[in-house]
Amino acid sequence: MSVLVANESYDFNSLKELLAVTDGNLASHLKALEKEQYITINKSFLGRKPNTRYFASDLGKAAFKKHLQSLENLIKQQKL
């Protein structure tokens, strides 16, 4: 999610390379994010090659922000 929140979109192969994961591993994570409606998908062709781009949805961005806030709160509590 952090990649998609920080960037407008990312395609499958670029995500796979950046995260150094297998096709299957990435696909299962993306499917879970799609199921929760945290991401949207745009499938198209670049020439004759299929291209799938992923975007963080507004719901996904809000959930990610909430997750980061929870982590920050946990860190603050550890400092007390």
PDB file of N, CA and C in Angstrom:
ATOM      1  N   MET A   1       0.826  -1.193   0.000  1.00  0.00           N
ATOM      2  CA  MET A   1       0.000   0.000   0.000  1.00  0.00           C
ATOM      3  C   MET A   1       0.864   1.249   0.000  1.00  0.00           C
ATOM      4  N   SER A   2       1.987   1.211   0.698  1.00  0.00           N
ATOM      5  CA  SER A   2       2.808   2.418   0.770  1.00  0.00           C
ATOM      6  C   SER A   2       3.279   2.861  -0.610  1.00  0.00           C
ATOM      7  N   VAL A   3       3.593   1.922  -1.491  1.00  0.00           N
ATOM      8  CA  VAL A   3       4.016   2.268  -2.852  1.00  0.00           C
ATOM      9  C   VAL A   3       2.874   2.944  -3.594  1.00  0.00           C
ATOM     10  N   LEU A   4       1.672   2.414  -3.455  1.00  0.00           N
ATOM     11  CA  LEU A   4       0.526   2.959  -4.174  1.00  0.00           C
ATOM     12  C   LEU A   4       0.056   4.284  -3.588  1.00  0.00           C
ATOM     13  N   VAL A   5       0.219   4.459  -2.299  1.00  0.00           N
ATOM     14  CA  VAL A   5      -0.162   5.730  -1.679  1.00  0.00           C
ATOM     15  C   VAL A   5       0.839   6.822  -2.070  1.00  0.00           C
ATOM     16  N   ALA A   6       2.107   6.464  -2.177  1.00  0.00           N
ATOM     17  CA  ALA A   6       3.156   7.436  -2.490  1.00  0.00           C
ATOM     18  C   ALA A   6       3.244   7.764  -3.981  1.00  0.00           C
ATOM     19  N   ASN A   7       2.663   6.922  -4.820  1.00  0.00           N
ATOM     20  CA  ASN A   7       2.713   7.106  -6.270  1.00  0.00           C
ATOM     21  C   ASN A   7       1.303   7.103  -6.837  1.00  0.00           C
ATOM     22  N   GLU A   8       1.127   7.724  -7.977  1.00  0.00           N
ATOM     23  CA  GLU A   8      -0.207   7.766  -8.591  1.00  0.00           C
ATOM     24  C   GLU A   8      -0.691   6.358  -8.921  1.00  0.00           C
ATOM     25  N   SER A   9       0.194   5.544  -9.486  1.00  0.00           N
ATOM     26  CA  SER A   9      -0.136   4.162  -9.816  1.00  0.00           C
ATOM     27  C   SER A   9       1.154   3.385 -10.018  1.00  0.00           C
ATOM     28  N   TYR A  10       1.012   2.079 -10.108  1.00  0.00           N
ATOM     29  CA  TYR A  10       2.150   1.195 -10.365  1.00  0.00           C
ATOM     30  C   TYR A  10       1.644   0.017 -11.160  1.00  0.00           C
ATOM     31  N   ASP A  11       2.469  -0.496 -12.086  1.00  0.00           N
ATOM     32  CA  ASP A  11       2.053  -1.684 -12.822  1.00  0.00           C
ATOM     33  C   ASP A  11       2.591  -2.941 -12.125  1.00  0.00           C
ATOM     34  N   PHE A  12       2.038  -4.076 -12.508  1.00  0.00           N
ATOM     35  CA  PHE A  12       2.342  -5.346 -11.843  1.00  0.00           C
ATOM     36  C   PHE A  12       3.839  -5.644 -11.852  1.00  0.00           C
ATOM     37  N   ASN A  13       4.453  -5.583 -13.027  1.00  0.00           N
ATOM     38  CA  ASN A  13       5.872  -5.943 -13.117  1.00  0.00           C
ATOM     39  C   ASN A  13       6.769  -5.002 -12.324  1.00  0.00           C
ATOM     40  N   SER A  14       6.443  -3.722 -12.321  1.00  0.00           N
ATOM     41  CA  SER A  14       7.241  -2.763 -11.546  1.00  0.00           C
ATOM     42  C   SER A  14       7.093  -3.016 -10.054  1.00  0.00           C
ATOM     43  N   LEU A  15       5.877  -3.320  -9.610  1.00  0.00           N
ATOM     44  CA  LEU A  15       5.666  -3.665  -8.203  1.00  0.00           C
ATOM     45  C   LEU A  15       6.441  -4.925  -7.837  1.00  0.00           C
ATOM     46  N   LYS A  16       6.372  -5.931  -8.695  1.00  0.00           N
ATOM     47  CA  LYS A  16       7.070  -7.201  -8.443  1.00  0.00           C
ATOM     48  C   LYS A  16       8.570  -6.981  -8.306  1.00  0.00           C
ATOM     49  N   GLU A  17       9.125  -6.171  -9.196  1.00  0.00           N
ATOM     50  CA  GLU A  17      10.561  -5.885  -9.160  1.00  0.00           C
ATOM     51  C   GLU A  17      10.931  -5.072  -7.920  1.00  0.00           C
ATOM     52  N   LEU A  18      10.176  -4.038  -7.635  1.00  0.00           N
ATOM     53  CA  LEU A  18      10.454  -3.175  -6.485  1.00  0.00           C
ATOM     54  C   LEU A  18      10.396  -3.949  -5.172  1.00  0.00           C
ATOM     55  N   LEU A  19       9.382  -4.801  -5.045  1.00  0.00           N
ATOM     56  CA  LEU A  19       9.171  -5.530  -3.789  1.00  0.00           C
ATOM     57  C   LEU A  19       9.929  -6.851  -3.716  1.00  0.00           C
ATOM     58  N   ALA A  20      10.522  -7.263  -4.847  1.00  0.00           N
ATOM     59  CA  ALA A  20      11.283  -8.515  -4.925  1.00  0.00           C
ATOM     60  C   ALA A  20      10.463  -9.702  -4.433  1.00  0.00           C
ATOM     61  N   VAL A  21       9.285  -9.852  -5.034  1.00  0.00           N
ATOM     62  CA  VAL A  21       8.392 -10.960  -4.689  1.00  0.00           C
ATOM     63  C   VAL A  21       8.052 -11.743  -5.953  1.00  0.00           C
ATOM     64  N   THR A  22       7.472 -12.915  -5.760  1.00  0.00           N
ATOM     65  CA  THR A  22       7.066 -13.738  -6.894  1.00  0.00           C
ATOM     66  C   THR A  22       5.731 -13.255  -7.449  1.00  0.00           C
ATOM     67  N   ASP A  23       5.423 -13.682  -8.660  1.00  0.00           N
ATOM     68  CA  ASP A  23       4.137 -13.351  -9.272  1.00  0.00           C
ATOM     69  C   ASP A  23       2.981 -13.773  -8.372  1.00  0.00           C
ATOM     70  N   GLY A  24       3.038 -15.014  -7.898  1.00  0.00           N
ATOM     71  CA  GLY A  24       1.959 -15.558  -7.071  1.00  0.00           C
ATOM     72  C   GLY A  24       1.791 -14.822  -5.761  1.00  0.00           C
ATOM     73  N   ASN A  25       2.905 -14.499  -5.127  1.00  0.00           N
ATOM     74  CA  ASN A  25       2.841 -13.784  -3.857  1.00  0.00           C
ATOM     75  C   ASN A  25       2.231 -12.410  -4.037  1.00  0.00           C
ATOM     76  N   LEU A  26       2.690 -11.677  -5.046  1.00  0.00           N
ATOM     77  CA  LEU A  26       2.160 -10.348  -5.302  1.00  0.00           C
ATOM     78  C   LEU A  26       0.683 -10.416  -5.682  1.00  0.00           C
ATOM     79  N   ALA A  27       0.341 -11.351  -6.534  1.00  0.00           N
ATOM     80  CA  ALA A  27      -1.052 -11.491  -6.979  1.00  0.00           C
ATOM     81  C   ALA A  27      -1.982 -11.757  -5.802  1.00  0.00           C
ATOM     82  N   SER A  28      -1.554 -12.594  -4.851  1.00  0.00           N
ATOM     83  CA  SER A  28      -2.418 -12.893  -3.706  1.00  0.00           C
ATOM     84  C   SER A  28      -2.594 -11.670  -2.811  1.00  0.00           C
ATOM     85  N   HIS A  29      -1.548 -10.888  -2.631  1.00  0.00           N
ATOM     86  CA  HIS A  29      -1.662  -9.668  -1.827  1.00  0.00           C
ATOM     87  C   HIS A  29      -2.549  -8.631  -2.520  1.00  0.00           C
ATOM     88  N   LEU A  30      -2.359  -8.473  -3.823  1.00  0.00           N
ATOM     89  CA  LEU A  30      -3.182  -7.523  -4.568  1.00  0.00           C
ATOM     90  C   LEU A  30      -4.652  -7.938  -4.567  1.00  0.00           C
ATOM     91  N   LYS A  31      -4.891  -9.238  -4.649  1.00  0.00           N
ATOM     92  CA  LYS A  31      -6.270  -9.736  -4.620  1.00  0.00           C
ATOM     93  C   LYS A  31      -6.919  -9.416  -3.272  1.00  0.00           C
ATOM     94  N   ALA A  32      -6.172  -9.566  -2.188  1.00  0.00           N
ATOM     95  CA  ALA A  32      -6.690  -9.252  -0.851  1.00  0.00           C
ATOM     96  C   ALA A  32      -6.986  -7.759  -0.734  1.00  0.00           C
ATOM     97  N   LEU A  33      -6.104  -6.919  -1.261  1.00  0.00           N
ATOM     98  CA  LEU A  33      -6.325  -5.472  -1.220  1.00  0.00           C
ATOM     99  C   LEU A  33      -7.528  -5.076  -2.081  1.00  0.00           C
ATOM    100  N   GLU A  34      -7.678  -5.742  -3.212  1.00  0.00           N
ATOM    101  CA  GLU A  34      -8.829  -5.472  -4.081  1.00  0.00           C
ATOM    102  C   GLU A  34     -10.133  -5.896  -3.402  1.00  0.00           C
ATOM    103  N   LYS A  35     -10.111  -7.028  -2.736  1.00  0.00           N
ATOM    104  CA  LYS A  35     -11.301  -7.525  -2.035  1.00  0.00           C
ATOM    105  C   LYS A  35     -11.784  -6.525  -0.986  1.00  0.00           C
ATOM    106  N   GLU A  36     -10.842  -5.875  -0.306  1.00  0.00           N
ATOM    107  CA  GLU A  36     -11.174  -4.870   0.711  1.00  0.00           C
ATOM    108  C   GLU A  36     -11.468  -3.504   0.094  1.00  0.00           C
ATOM    109  N   GLN A  37     -11.350  -3.425  -1.229  1.00  0.00           N
ATOM    110  CA  GLN A  37     -11.567  -2.185  -1.989  1.00  0.00           C
ATOM    111  C   GLN A  37     -10.550  -1.105  -1.626  1.00  0.00           C
ATOM    112  N   TYR A  38      -9.341  -1.545  -1.266  1.00  0.00           N
ATOM    113  CA  TYR A  38      -8.258  -0.618  -0.952  1.00  0.00           C
ATOM    114  C   TYR A  38      -7.523  -0.173  -2.209  1.00  0.00           C
ATOM    115  N   ILE A  39      -7.672  -0.937  -3.293  1.00  0.00           N
ATOM    116  CA  ILE A  39      -7.037  -0.587  -4.560  1.00  0.00           C
ATOM    117  C   ILE A  39      -8.047  -0.706  -5.696  1.00  0.00           C
ATOM    118  N   THR A  40      -7.764   0.009  -6.781  1.00  0.00           N
ATOM    119  CA  THR A  40      -8.510  -0.158  -8.012  1.00  0.00           C
ATOM    120  C   THR A  40      -7.531  -0.611  -9.084  1.00  0.00           C
ATOM    121  N   ILE A  41      -8.071  -1.257 -10.102  1.00  0.00           N
ATOM    122  CA  ILE A  41      -7.243  -1.873 -11.132  1.00  0.00           C
ATOM    123  C   ILE A  41      -7.670  -1.370 -12.496  1.00  0.00           C
ATOM    124  N   ASN A  42      -6.674  -1.113 -13.345  1.00  0.00           N
ATOM    125  CA  ASN A  42      -6.929  -0.715 -14.726  1.00  0.00           C
ATOM    126  C   ASN A  42      -6.137  -1.648 -15.624  1.00  0.00           C
ATOM    127  N   LYS A  43      -6.835  -2.448 -16.404  1.00  0.00           N
ATOM    128  CA  LYS A  43      -6.180  -3.373 -17.334  1.00  0.00           C
ATOM    129  C   LYS A  43      -6.250  -2.781 -18.735  1.00  0.00           C
ATOM    130  N   SER A  44      -5.101  -2.782 -19.418  1.00  0.00           N
ATOM    131  CA  SER A  44      -5.031  -2.246 -20.771  1.00  0.00           C
ATOM    132  C   SER A  44      -3.938  -2.989 -21.536  1.00  0.00           C
ATOM    133  N   PHE A  45      -3.687  -2.546 -22.732  1.00  0.00           N
ATOM    134  CA  PHE A  45      -2.611  -3.113 -23.533  1.00  0.00           C
ATOM    135  C   PHE A  45      -1.639  -2.012 -23.909  1.00  0.00           C
ATOM    136  N   LEU A  46      -0.357  -2.311 -23.842  1.00  0.00           N
ATOM    137  CA  LEU A  46       0.693  -1.444 -24.363  1.00  0.00           C
ATOM    138  C   LEU A  46       1.221  -2.154 -25.596  1.00  0.00           C
ATOM    139  N   GLY A  47       0.746  -1.705 -26.743  1.00  0.00           N
ATOM    140  CA  GLY A  47       1.022  -2.462 -27.956  1.00  0.00           C
ATOM    141  C   GLY A  47       0.220  -3.750 -27.885  1.00  0.00           C
ATOM    142  N   ARG A  48       0.912  -4.856 -27.919  1.00  0.00           N
ATOM    143  CA  ARG A  48       0.240  -6.158 -27.810  1.00  0.00           C
ATOM    144  C   ARG A  48       0.376  -6.783 -26.426  1.00  0.00           C
ATOM    145  N   LYS A  49       1.091  -6.106 -25.553  1.00  0.00           N
ATOM    146  CA  LYS A  49       1.328  -6.667 -24.218  1.00  0.00           C
ATOM    147  C   LYS A  49       0.287  -6.164 -23.230  1.00  0.00           C
ATOM    148  N   PRO A  50      -0.283  -7.073 -22.441  1.00  0.00           N
ATOM    149  CA  PRO A  50      -1.225  -6.636 -21.404  1.00  0.00           C
ATOM    150  C   PRO A  50      -0.497  -5.856 -20.314  1.00  0.00           C
ATOM    151  N   ASN A  51      -1.160  -4.851 -19.780  1.00  0.00           N
ATOM    152  CA  ASN A  51      -0.582  -4.045 -18.711  1.00  0.00           C
ATOM    153  C   ASN A  51      -1.654  -3.809 -17.651  1.00  0.00           C
ATOM    154  N   THR A  52      -1.344  -4.181 -16.437  1.00  0.00           N
ATOM    155  CA  THR A  52      -2.277  -3.988 -15.326  1.00  0.00           C
ATOM    156  C   THR A  52      -1.685  -2.972 -14.371  1.00  0.00           C
ATOM    157  N   ARG A  53      -2.417  -1.900 -14.147  1.00  0.00           N
ATOM    158  CA  ARG A  53      -1.983  -0.827 -13.247  1.00  0.00           C
ATOM    159  C   ARG A  53      -2.872  -0.826 -12.018  1.00  0.00           C
ATOM    160  N   TYR A  54      -2.254  -0.527 -10.883  1.00  0.00           N
ATOM    161  CA  TYR A  54      -2.945  -0.510  -9.600  1.00  0.00           C
ATOM    162  C   TYR A  54      -2.898   0.891  -9.018  1.00  0.00           C
ATOM    163  N   PHE A  55      -4.003   1.299  -8.419  1.00  0.00           N
ATOM    164  CA  PHE A  55      -4.147   2.623  -7.814  1.00  0.00           C
ATOM    165  C   PHE A  55      -4.689   2.450  -6.402  1.00  0.00           C
ATOM    166  N   ALA A  56      -4.222   3.247  -5.469  1.00  0.00           N
ATOM    167  CA  ALA A  56      -4.802   3.248  -4.120  1.00  0.00           C
ATOM    168  C   ALA A  56      -6.149   3.961  -4.192  1.00  0.00           C
ATOM    169  N   SER A  57      -7.186   3.337  -3.673  1.00  0.00           N
ATOM    170  CA  SER A  57      -8.509   3.979  -3.631  1.00  0.00           C
ATOM    171  C   SER A  57      -8.553   4.947  -2.458  1.00  0.00           C
ATOM    172  N   ASP A  58      -9.585   5.773  -2.424  1.00  0.00           N
ATOM    173  CA  ASP A  58      -9.742   6.686  -1.284  1.00  0.00           C
ATOM    174  C   ASP A  58      -9.880   5.896   0.012  1.00  0.00           C
ATOM    175  N   LEU A  59     -10.612   4.791  -0.048  1.00  0.00           N
ATOM    176  CA  LEU A  59     -10.767   3.930   1.130  1.00  0.00           C
ATOM    177  C   LEU A  59      -9.414   3.353   1.558  1.00  0.00           C
ATOM    178  N   GLY A  60      -8.622   2.924   0.578  1.00  0.00           N
ATOM    179  CA  GLY A  60      -7.298   2.370   0.869  1.00  0.00           C
ATOM    180  C   GLY A  60      -6.362   3.397   1.459  1.00  0.00           C
ATOM    181  N   LYS A  61      -6.408   4.620   0.925  1.00  0.00           N
ATOM    182  CA  LYS A  61      -5.566   5.699   1.461  1.00  0.00           C
ATOM    183  C   LYS A  61      -5.954   6.017   2.896  1.00  0.00           C
ATOM    184  N   ALA A  62      -7.256   6.043   3.182  1.00  0.00           N
ATOM    185  CA  ALA A  62      -7.723   6.323   4.541  1.00  0.00           C
ATOM    186  C   ALA A  62      -7.303   5.207   5.494  1.00  0.00           C
ATOM    187  N   ALA A  63      -7.430   3.960   5.058  1.00  0.00           N
ATOM    188  CA  ALA A  63      -7.036   2.819   5.898  1.00  0.00           C
ATOM    189  C   ALA A  63      -5.538   2.836   6.161  1.00  0.00           C
ATOM    190  N   PHE A  64      -4.756   3.192   5.148  1.00  0.00           N
ATOM    191  CA  PHE A  64      -3.302   3.246   5.317  1.00  0.00           C
ATOM    192  C   PHE A  64      -2.919   4.355   6.285  1.00  0.00           C
ATOM    193  N   LYS A  65      -3.570   5.497   6.153  1.00  0.00           N
ATOM    194  CA  LYS A  65      -3.312   6.622   7.066  1.00  0.00           C
ATOM    195  C   LYS A  65      -3.645   6.216   8.507  1.00  0.00           C
ATOM    196  N   LYS A  66      -4.756   5.516   8.684  1.00  0.00           N
ATOM    197  CA  LYS A  66      -5.151   5.046  10.017  1.00  0.00           C
ATOM    198  C   LYS A  66      -4.114   4.066  10.566  1.00  0.00           C
ATOM    199  N   HIS A  67      -3.605   3.196   9.708  1.00  0.00           N
ATOM    200  CA  HIS A  67      -2.581   2.226  10.106  1.00  0.00           C
ATOM    201  C   HIS A  67      -1.306   2.953  10.564  1.00  0.00           C
ATOM    202  N   LEU A  68      -0.884   3.945   9.794  1.00  0.00           N
ATOM    203  CA  LEU A  68       0.307   4.714  10.172  1.00  0.00           C
ATOM    204  C   LEU A  68       0.100   5.438  11.496  1.00  0.00           C
ATOM    205  N   GLN A  69      -1.095   5.988  11.696  1.00  0.00           N
ATOM    206  CA  GLN A  69      -1.392   6.676  12.954  1.00  0.00           C
ATOM    207  C   GLN A  69      -1.322   5.708  14.132  1.00  0.00           C
ATOM    208  N   SER A  70      -1.825   4.505  13.934  1.00  0.00           N
ATOM    209  CA  SER A  70      -1.756   3.487  14.991  1.00  0.00           C
ATOM    210  C   SER A  70      -0.311   3.140  15.325  1.00  0.00           C
ATOM    211  N   LEU A  71       0.520   3.028  14.297  1.00  0.00           N
ATOM    212  CA  LEU A  71       1.944   2.746  14.530  1.00  0.00           C
ATOM    213  C   LEU A  71       2.615   3.896  15.273  1.00  0.00           C
ATOM    214  N   GLU A  72       2.287   5.129  14.889  1.00  0.00           N
ATOM    215  CA  GLU A  72       2.856   6.292  15.575  1.00  0.00           C
ATOM    216  C   GLU A  72       2.425   6.324  17.038  1.00  0.00           C
ATOM    217  N   ASN A  73       1.170   6.006  17.298  1.00  0.00           N
ATOM    218  CA  ASN A  73       0.679   5.973  18.679  1.00  0.00           C
ATOM    219  C   ASN A  73       1.393   4.902  19.490  1.00  0.00           C
ATOM    220  N   LEU A  74       1.643   3.755  18.878  1.00  0.00           N
ATOM    221  CA  LEU A  74       2.361   2.684  19.555  1.00  0.00           C
ATOM    222  C   LEU A  74       3.782   3.120  19.907  1.00  0.00           C
ATOM    223  N   ILE A  75       4.441   3.795  18.981  1.00  0.00           N
ATOM    224  CA  ILE A  75       5.792   4.294  19.234  1.00  0.00           C
ATOM    225  C   ILE A  75       5.791   5.319  20.364  1.00  0.00           C
ATOM    226  N   LYS A  76       4.830   6.212  20.350  1.00  0.00           N
ATOM    227  CA  LYS A  76       4.724   7.233  21.405  1.00  0.00           C
ATOM    228  C   LYS A  76       4.530   6.585  22.769  1.00  0.00           C
ATOM    229  N   GLN A  77       3.718   5.529  22.825  1.00  0.00           N
ATOM    230  CA  GLN A  77       3.484   4.831  24.087  1.00  0.00           C
ATOM    231  C   GLN A  77       4.738   4.154  24.592  1.00  0.00           C
ATOM    232  N   GLN A  78       5.562   3.660  23.660  1.00  0.00           N
ATOM    233  CA  GLN A  78       6.816   2.995  24.033  1.00  0.00           C
ATOM    234  C   GLN A  78       7.807   3.983  24.649  1.00  0.00           C
ATOM    235  N   LYS A  79       7.728   5.255  24.258  1.00  0.00           N
ATOM    236  CA  LYS A  79       8.643   6.269  24.749  1.00  0.00           C
ATOM    237  C   LYS A  79       8.272   6.733  26.166  1.00  0.00           C
ATOM    238  N   LEU A  80       7.030   6.501  26.566  1.00  0.00           N
ATOM    239  CA  LEU A  80       6.594   6.959  27.904  1.00  0.00           C
ATOM    240  C   LEU A  80       7.172   6.152  29.009  1.00  0.00           C
TER     241      LEU A  80
END
